[in-house]
Amino acid sequence: MFGKSKWIRLPRSVVLGHGVLDRTVEAVDELYLDGRPLIVTSPTPKALAGDRLVAAFEEAGFNPAITTVEDATFSSVEAVLETAESVDAGFLIGLGGGKPIDIAKMAADERGCGFVSVPTAASHDGIVSGRGSVPEGDTRHSVAAHPPLAVVADTELIAEAPWRLTTAGCADIVSNYTAVKDWQLAHRLKNVEYSEYAGALSQMTAELLVDRADSIKRGLEESAWVVAKALVSSGVAMSIAGSSRPASGAEHLISHQLDRIAPGAALHGHQVGVAAIVTEYLHTGEGGDWRRVRDALADIGAPTTAADLDVDDEQFVEAMTSAHEIRDRYTILGDGIEESAAIEAATVTGVLR
């Protein structure tokens, strides 16, 4: 007897495009959220769009509160929860890049209230996904949470964000290319549950971005449109899968190790992009598509070498050989790769120079 069931949580609304920040109140109205909104942001997005968002909610008859977070830490989540309790917040809005959005997402999940994502930068797919990322000591925790009820992505604001944040978002999407291959490998060898739909959506998203990499340019709002749409698709793929598998494989494990070995050296998206070059080589060898991955990253101006990440060759190799220890997730790294194999893969692909 067939007894399979699944609960998929997806954003109810995605509002994307020029000037849509002013439609945030409209998106909230359609969700029938009750109570006082608490806007969680950080200093730069607060200065960029915080007053505008507060004014829009005040004009609509809401009584918004706003709080600022400096760091993505568990203590920041606790601080937001305390603020939400003190102002009797009915729902939370994350305004900014990955930091305030992840903090607001986890706080809303803990509080059991609604969450709306309003990204001002397209730096990674956390703007839509049901996971938050929090560093603690020399490790980074990926925490499950409900995805946002709505996403309001204003491409005018995103296009004005520092270009390195946009290229990091692009690289994060390109890394889906190898994450799906790792997921398929785990399905074949370890019988890990695989979703054809989620895998196809994630892979298609990466393919589309790779194909259009040479048209993604600094200062073009259309480029912000392409990247934001891709990040939304990637987040939806994770929601369908019920895990981060469609967008997180060996390349993310290597990045997590780099966070430990060389903390603060580079952005998450840039690290997973460079790692995807070598993991694609490990999957397909010399004749594989690693050149296509590398060239796409180069076209958008993202790092393609360890040196570009401000990481020593030895540090990158150490990350490759120890990444399998990060979590119980089967990837092309298996139970670990030899140092000589890591050096060969990284040298052939030009990641080490």
Protein backbone atom coordinates (compact mmCIF):
# COMPACT_ATOMS: atom_id res chain seq x y z
CA MET A 1 0.00 0.00 0.00
CA PHE A 2 1.33 3.45 -0.93
CA GLY A 3 1.70 5.59 2.18
CA LYS A 4 4.07 8.37 1.16
CA SER A 5 3.22 11.94 2.16
CA LYS A 6 4.98 15.28 2.17
CA TRP A 7 4.42 18.79 3.52
CA ILE A 8 5.95 21.48 1.30
CA ARG A 9 6.17 25.05 2.59
CA LEU A 10 6.62 27.70 -0.09
CA PRO A 11 6.31 31.50 -0.15
CA ARG A 12 2.73 32.49 -0.90
CA SER A 13 3.83 35.60 -2.78
CA VAL A 14 6.99 36.63 -4.58
CA VAL A 15 7.04 40.30 -5.60
CA LEU A 16 10.05 41.01 -7.79
CA GLY A 17 11.07 44.00 -9.86
CA HIS A 18 11.67 47.73 -10.06
CA GLY A 19 10.44 49.79 -7.11
CA VAL A 20 8.48 46.98 -5.48
CA LEU A 21 9.68 47.90 -1.97
CA ASP A 22 6.62 50.17 -1.88
CA ARG A 23 4.39 47.12 -2.38
CA THR A 24 5.54 45.40 0.81
CA VAL A 25 2.44 46.57 2.69
CA GLU A 26 0.25 45.22 -0.11
CA ALA A 27 2.02 41.85 0.09
CA VAL A 28 1.50 41.77 3.86
CA ASP A 29 -2.19 42.66 3.46
CA GLU A 30 -2.67 39.67 1.16
CA LEU A 31 -1.23 37.39 3.84
CA TYR A 32 -3.79 38.57 6.43
CA LEU A 33 -1.06 38.96 9.02
CA ASP A 34 -2.24 40.42 12.31
CA GLY A 35 -0.47 42.59 14.85
CA ARG A 36 2.48 44.88 14.84
CA PRO A 37 5.32 44.40 12.32
CA LEU A 38 8.88 44.26 13.63
CA ILE A 39 11.43 45.15 10.97
CA VAL A 40 14.78 43.43 11.54
CA THR A 41 17.61 45.06 9.63
CA SER A 42 21.28 46.04 9.82
CA PRO A 43 22.88 49.51 9.61
CA THR A 44 23.42 49.83 5.85
CA PRO A 45 19.99 48.57 4.64
CA LYS A 46 18.35 50.58 7.43
CA ALA A 47 19.91 53.74 6.03
CA LEU A 48 19.06 52.67 2.48
CA ALA A 49 15.44 51.58 2.87
CA GLY A 50 14.47 51.33 6.54
CA ASP A 51 12.82 54.75 6.89
CA ARG A 52 10.96 54.25 3.62
CA LEU A 53 9.58 50.90 4.76
CA VAL A 54 8.59 52.23 8.19
CA ALA A 55 6.82 55.19 6.58
CA ALA A 56 4.90 52.90 4.23
CA PHE A 57 3.59 50.80 7.12
CA GLU A 58 2.73 53.88 9.18
CA GLU A 59 0.80 55.36 6.27
CA ALA A 60 -1.17 52.09 6.00
CA GLY A 61 -2.20 52.30 9.65
CA PHE A 62 0.32 49.86 11.11
CA ASN A 63 2.52 50.72 14.08
CA PRO A 64 5.87 49.29 12.94
CA ALA A 65 8.85 48.74 15.21
CA ILE A 66 12.40 48.43 13.94
CA THR A 67 15.51 46.81 15.41
CA THR A 68 19.07 46.60 14.13
CA VAL A 69 21.41 43.61 14.30
CA GLU A 70 25.16 43.86 13.89
CA ASP A 71 26.15 40.19 13.68
CA ALA A 72 24.58 36.90 12.63
CA THR A 73 24.78 35.07 15.96
CA PHE A 74 22.47 33.05 18.16
CA SER A 75 22.62 35.89 20.68
CA SER A 76 21.28 38.20 17.96
CA VAL A 77 18.36 35.81 17.46
CA GLU A 78 17.68 35.94 21.22
CA ALA A 79 17.88 39.74 21.20
CA VAL A 80 15.35 39.95 18.36
CA LEU A 81 13.05 37.55 20.21
CA GLU A 82 13.24 39.76 23.30
CA THR A 83 12.43 42.83 21.20
CA ALA A 84 9.55 41.04 19.50
CA GLU A 85 8.15 40.14 22.91
CA SER A 86 8.55 43.66 24.28
CA VAL A 87 6.77 45.32 21.32
CA ASP A 88 4.24 42.48 21.00
CA ALA A 89 5.16 41.88 17.37
CA GLY A 90 2.65 39.98 15.27
CA PHE A 91 5.09 39.22 12.46
CA LEU A 92 8.71 39.90 11.48
CA ILE A 93 10.19 41.46 8.36
CA GLY A 94 13.82 40.84 7.44
CA LEU A 95 15.22 43.83 5.54
CA GLY A 96 18.73 43.64 4.12
CA GLY A 97 21.20 40.96 3.08
CA GLY A 98 21.70 37.49 4.45
CA LYS A 99 22.45 38.55 8.02
CA PRO A 100 19.18 40.29 9.05
CA ILE A 101 17.08 37.96 6.92
CA ASP A 102 18.52 34.83 8.52
CA ILE A 103 18.18 36.32 12.02
CA ALA A 104 14.58 37.40 11.42
CA LYS A 105 13.74 34.05 9.85
CA MET A 106 15.01 32.05 12.81
CA ALA A 107 13.43 34.40 15.35
CA ALA A 108 10.06 34.20 13.58
CA ASP A 109 10.28 30.42 13.52
CA GLU A 110 11.06 30.32 17.25
CA ARG A 111 8.27 32.79 18.03
CA GLY A 112 5.80 30.96 15.80
CA CYS A 113 4.83 34.03 13.82
CA GLY A 114 4.88 35.07 10.16
CA PHE A 115 8.03 36.17 8.37
CA VAL A 116 8.46 38.33 5.26
CA SER A 117 11.79 38.58 3.41
CA VAL A 118 12.77 41.94 1.90
CA PRO A 119 16.28 41.54 0.45
CA THR A 120 18.36 44.56 -0.51
CA ALA A 121 21.21 42.41 -1.85
CA ALA A 122 21.26 39.17 -3.82
CA SER A 123 24.21 37.57 -2.07
CA HIS A 124 22.83 34.03 -1.46
CA ASP A 125 19.68 31.92 -1.67
CA GLY A 126 18.84 32.36 2.02
CA ILE A 127 16.46 35.15 1.00
CA VAL A 128 13.89 32.46 0.12
CA SER A 129 15.04 29.21 1.70
CA GLY A 130 13.85 27.57 4.90
CA ARG A 131 17.29 27.64 6.50
CA GLY A 132 19.38 30.16 8.40
CA SER A 133 23.15 30.24 8.63
CA VAL A 134 24.85 31.26 11.89
CA PRO A 135 28.58 31.13 12.65
CA GLU A 136 29.64 30.04 16.13
CA GLY A 137 33.30 29.83 17.00
CA ASP A 138 35.07 28.04 14.16
CA THR A 139 31.94 26.37 12.80
CA ARG A 140 28.88 27.52 10.89
CA HIS A 141 25.45 26.14 11.76
CA SER A 142 22.72 25.65 9.18
CA VAL A 143 19.44 25.93 11.08
CA ALA A 144 16.06 24.75 9.79
CA ALA A 145 13.27 27.34 9.82
CA HIS A 146 10.07 28.04 7.91
CA PRO A 147 10.62 29.83 4.59
CA PRO A 148 9.20 33.35 4.27
CA LEU A 149 5.49 33.79 3.65
CA ALA A 150 6.35 36.45 1.09
CA VAL A 151 9.46 37.75 -0.66
CA VAL A 152 9.63 41.37 -1.84
CA ALA A 153 12.79 41.84 -3.92
CA ASP A 154 13.26 45.36 -5.28
CA THR A 155 15.72 45.08 -8.16
CA GLU A 156 16.40 48.82 -8.03
CA LEU A 157 17.80 48.42 -4.51
CA ILE A 158 19.58 45.15 -5.32
CA ALA A 159 21.29 46.74 -8.36
CA GLU A 160 22.69 49.43 -6.06
CA ALA A 161 24.21 46.90 -3.64
CA PRO A 162 27.99 46.33 -3.74
CA TRP A 163 28.78 44.33 -6.86
CA ARG A 164 30.71 41.71 -4.91
CA LEU A 165 27.46 40.74 -3.14
CA THR A 166 25.73 40.18 -6.48
CA THR A 167 28.62 38.11 -7.83
CA ALA A 168 28.51 36.05 -4.61
CA GLY A 169 24.82 35.36 -5.23
CA CYS A 170 25.61 34.31 -8.79
CA ALA A 171 28.37 31.98 -7.63
CA ASP A 172 26.05 30.45 -5.02
CA ILE A 173 23.62 29.59 -7.83
CA VAL A 174 26.36 28.25 -10.11
CA SER A 175 27.38 25.89 -7.29
CA ASN A 176 23.96 24.20 -7.57
CA TYR A 177 25.44 22.61 -10.67
CA THR A 178 27.60 20.28 -8.56
CA ALA A 179 25.31 20.13 -5.51
CA VAL A 180 22.68 18.28 -7.56
CA LYS A 181 25.31 15.85 -8.85
CA ASP A 182 26.29 15.09 -5.26
CA TRP A 183 22.64 14.55 -4.35
CA GLN A 184 22.18 12.14 -7.28
CA LEU A 185 25.35 10.30 -6.28
CA ALA A 186 24.12 9.95 -2.69
CA HIS A 187 20.82 8.63 -4.03
CA ARG A 188 22.56 5.97 -6.14
CA LEU A 189 25.13 4.87 -3.57
CA LYS A 190 23.43 5.52 -0.22
CA ASN A 191 19.76 5.41 -1.17
CA VAL A 192 19.28 9.01 -0.03
CA GLU A 193 15.81 10.20 -1.03
CA TYR A 194 15.98 12.24 -4.23
CA SER A 195 13.36 14.57 -5.70
CA GLU A 196 13.44 14.67 -9.49
CA TYR A 197 11.44 17.89 -9.48
CA ALA A 198 13.63 19.73 -6.95
CA GLY A 199 16.81 18.46 -8.58
CA ALA A 200 15.69 19.48 -12.05
CA LEU A 201 14.61 22.95 -10.87
CA SER A 202 17.92 23.56 -9.11
CA GLN A 203 19.98 22.29 -12.04
CA MET A 204 17.95 24.31 -14.55
CA THR A 205 18.46 27.45 -12.44
CA ALA A 206 22.23 26.95 -12.45
CA GLU A 207 22.24 26.21 -16.18
CA LEU A 208 20.29 29.36 -16.99
CA LEU A 209 22.68 31.50 -15.00
CA VAL A 210 25.74 29.84 -16.52
CA ASP A 211 24.30 30.40 -20.00
CA ARG A 212 23.67 34.09 -19.26
CA ALA A 213 26.81 34.77 -17.25
CA ASP A 214 28.36 37.01 -19.90
CA SER A 215 25.29 39.30 -19.82
CA ILE A 216 25.37 39.88 -16.04
CA LYS A 217 27.02 43.26 -15.63
CA ARG A 218 27.67 45.73 -12.85
CA GLY A 219 25.07 48.50 -12.57
CA LEU A 220 22.47 46.81 -14.78
CA GLU A 221 19.12 46.39 -13.03
CA GLU A 222 18.27 43.61 -15.46
CA SER A 223 21.23 41.67 -14.03
CA ALA A 224 19.77 42.09 -10.54
CA TRP A 225 16.49 40.75 -11.97
CA VAL A 226 18.16 37.63 -13.36
CA VAL A 227 20.09 36.89 -10.17
CA ALA A 228 17.13 37.51 -7.85
CA LYS A 229 14.89 35.22 -9.90
CA ALA A 230 17.56 32.51 -9.80
CA LEU A 231 17.89 32.80 -6.01
CA VAL A 232 14.12 32.50 -5.64
CA SER A 233 14.10 29.35 -7.78
CA SER A 234 16.94 27.85 -5.76
CA GLY A 235 15.13 28.54 -2.50
CA VAL A 236 11.94 26.99 -3.84
CA ALA A 237 13.88 23.87 -4.89
CA MET A 238 15.08 23.46 -1.29
CA SER A 239 11.55 23.88 0.03
CA ILE A 240 10.29 21.21 -2.35
CA ALA A 241 13.10 18.86 -1.33
CA GLY A 242 12.62 19.56 2.36
CA SER A 243 16.38 19.95 2.72
CA SER A 244 19.29 22.01 1.42
CA ARG A 245 20.41 19.15 -0.84
CA PRO A 246 19.46 20.85 -4.16
CA ALA A 247 21.86 23.69 -3.38
CA SER A 248 24.43 22.26 -1.01
CA GLY A 249 26.92 19.52 -1.68
CA ALA A 250 30.67 19.03 -1.37
CA GLU A 251 31.32 22.61 -2.47
CA HIS A 252 29.43 23.86 0.60
CA LEU A 253 31.29 21.48 2.89
CA ILE A 254 34.57 22.86 1.57
CA SER A 255 33.31 26.40 2.13
CA HIS A 256 32.33 25.57 5.72
CA GLN A 257 35.83 24.27 6.32
CA LEU A 258 37.30 27.45 4.85
CA ASP A 259 35.18 29.40 7.34
CA ARG A 260 36.99 27.48 10.07
CA ILE A 261 40.48 27.51 8.59
CA ALA A 262 40.48 31.05 7.17
CA PRO A 263 37.59 32.87 8.88
CA GLY A 264 36.38 36.02 7.16
CA ALA A 265 38.62 35.58 4.14
CA ALA A 266 35.84 35.62 1.55
CA LEU A 267 32.09 35.68 1.05
CA HIS A 268 30.18 32.41 1.28
CA GLY A 269 29.00 32.55 -2.34
CA HIS A 270 32.50 33.15 -3.66
CA GLN A 271 33.88 30.23 -1.63
CA VAL A 272 31.27 27.75 -2.88
CA GLY A 273 31.79 28.97 -6.44
CA VAL A 274 35.53 28.23 -6.39
CA ALA A 275 34.91 24.93 -4.61
CA ALA A 276 32.37 23.99 -7.31
CA ILE A 277 35.13 24.16 -9.93
CA VAL A 278 37.12 21.41 -8.21
CA THR A 279 34.10 19.30 -7.23
CA GLU A 280 32.91 19.37 -10.85
CA TYR A 281 36.36 18.09 -11.83
CA LEU A 282 36.09 15.32 -9.23
CA HIS A 283 32.71 14.32 -10.68
CA THR A 284 33.59 14.35 -14.36
CA GLY A 285 37.38 14.47 -14.74
CA GLU A 286 39.50 16.37 -17.22
CA GLY A 287 36.87 16.24 -19.97
CA GLY A 288 34.01 17.45 -17.79
CA ASP A 289 32.27 20.78 -17.43
CA TRP A 290 34.58 22.33 -14.83
CA ARG A 291 35.83 24.81 -17.46
CA ARG A 292 32.25 25.90 -18.07
CA VAL A 293 31.74 26.49 -14.34
CA ARG A 294 35.05 28.38 -14.08
CA ASP A 295 34.38 30.49 -17.18
CA ALA A 296 30.89 31.43 -15.98
CA LEU A 297 32.35 32.63 -12.67
CA ALA A 298 35.05 34.58 -14.51
CA ASP A 299 32.44 36.20 -16.80
CA ILE A 300 30.55 37.68 -13.85
CA GLY A 301 33.74 38.75 -12.10
CA ALA A 302 33.58 36.19 -9.29
CA PRO A 303 36.71 34.53 -7.87
CA THR A 304 38.03 31.42 -9.62
CA THR A 305 41.17 30.70 -7.58
CA ALA A 306 42.16 30.21 -3.96
CA ALA A 307 44.26 33.36 -4.23
CA ASP A 308 41.18 35.31 -5.32
CA LEU A 309 39.59 34.21 -2.03
CA ASP A 310 42.64 35.41 -0.06
CA VAL A 311 43.18 31.78 0.93
CA ASP A 312 46.57 30.05 0.88
CA ASP A 313 46.98 26.99 -1.32
CA GLU A 314 47.67 24.89 1.78
CA GLN A 315 44.49 26.14 3.43
CA PHE A 316 42.37 25.30 0.40
CA VAL A 317 43.82 21.79 0.15
CA GLU A 318 43.25 21.28 3.88
CA ALA A 319 39.62 22.30 3.42
CA MET A 320 39.21 19.82 0.57
CA THR A 321 40.73 16.90 2.49
CA SER A 322 38.81 17.53 5.72
CA ALA A 323 35.46 18.79 4.42
CA HIS A 324 33.84 15.35 4.63
CA GLU A 325 34.07 15.62 8.43
CA ILE A 326 31.71 18.60 8.57
CA ARG A 327 28.42 16.69 8.54
CA ASP A 328 26.91 13.33 7.74
CA ARG A 329 26.15 14.14 4.10
CA TYR A 330 27.46 11.88 1.37
CA THR A 331 29.12 13.71 -1.54
CA ILE A 332 31.79 13.12 -4.15
CA LEU A 333 34.30 13.54 -1.29
CA GLY A 334 33.12 10.21 0.14
CA ASP A 335 34.96 9.43 3.35
CA GLY A 336 37.71 11.85 2.41
CA ILE A 337 40.15 12.36 -0.45
CA GLU A 338 43.92 12.06 -0.37
CA GLU A 339 45.97 15.24 -0.29
CA SER A 340 47.65 14.33 -3.58
CA ALA A 341 44.25 13.94 -5.27
CA ALA A 342 43.07 17.28 -3.87
CA ILE A 343 46.22 19.02 -5.11
CA GLU A 344 45.84 17.46 -8.56
CA ALA A 345 42.19 18.51 -8.89
CA ALA A 346 42.85 22.05 -7.69
CA THR A 347 45.99 22.41 -9.86
CA VAL A 348 44.49 21.04 -13.08
CA THR A 349 41.50 23.39 -12.73
CA GLY A 350 43.70 26.39 -11.98
CA VAL A 351 42.29 26.90 -8.50
CA LEU A 352 45.85 26.57 -7.19
CA ARG A 353 48.48 28.59 -9.00
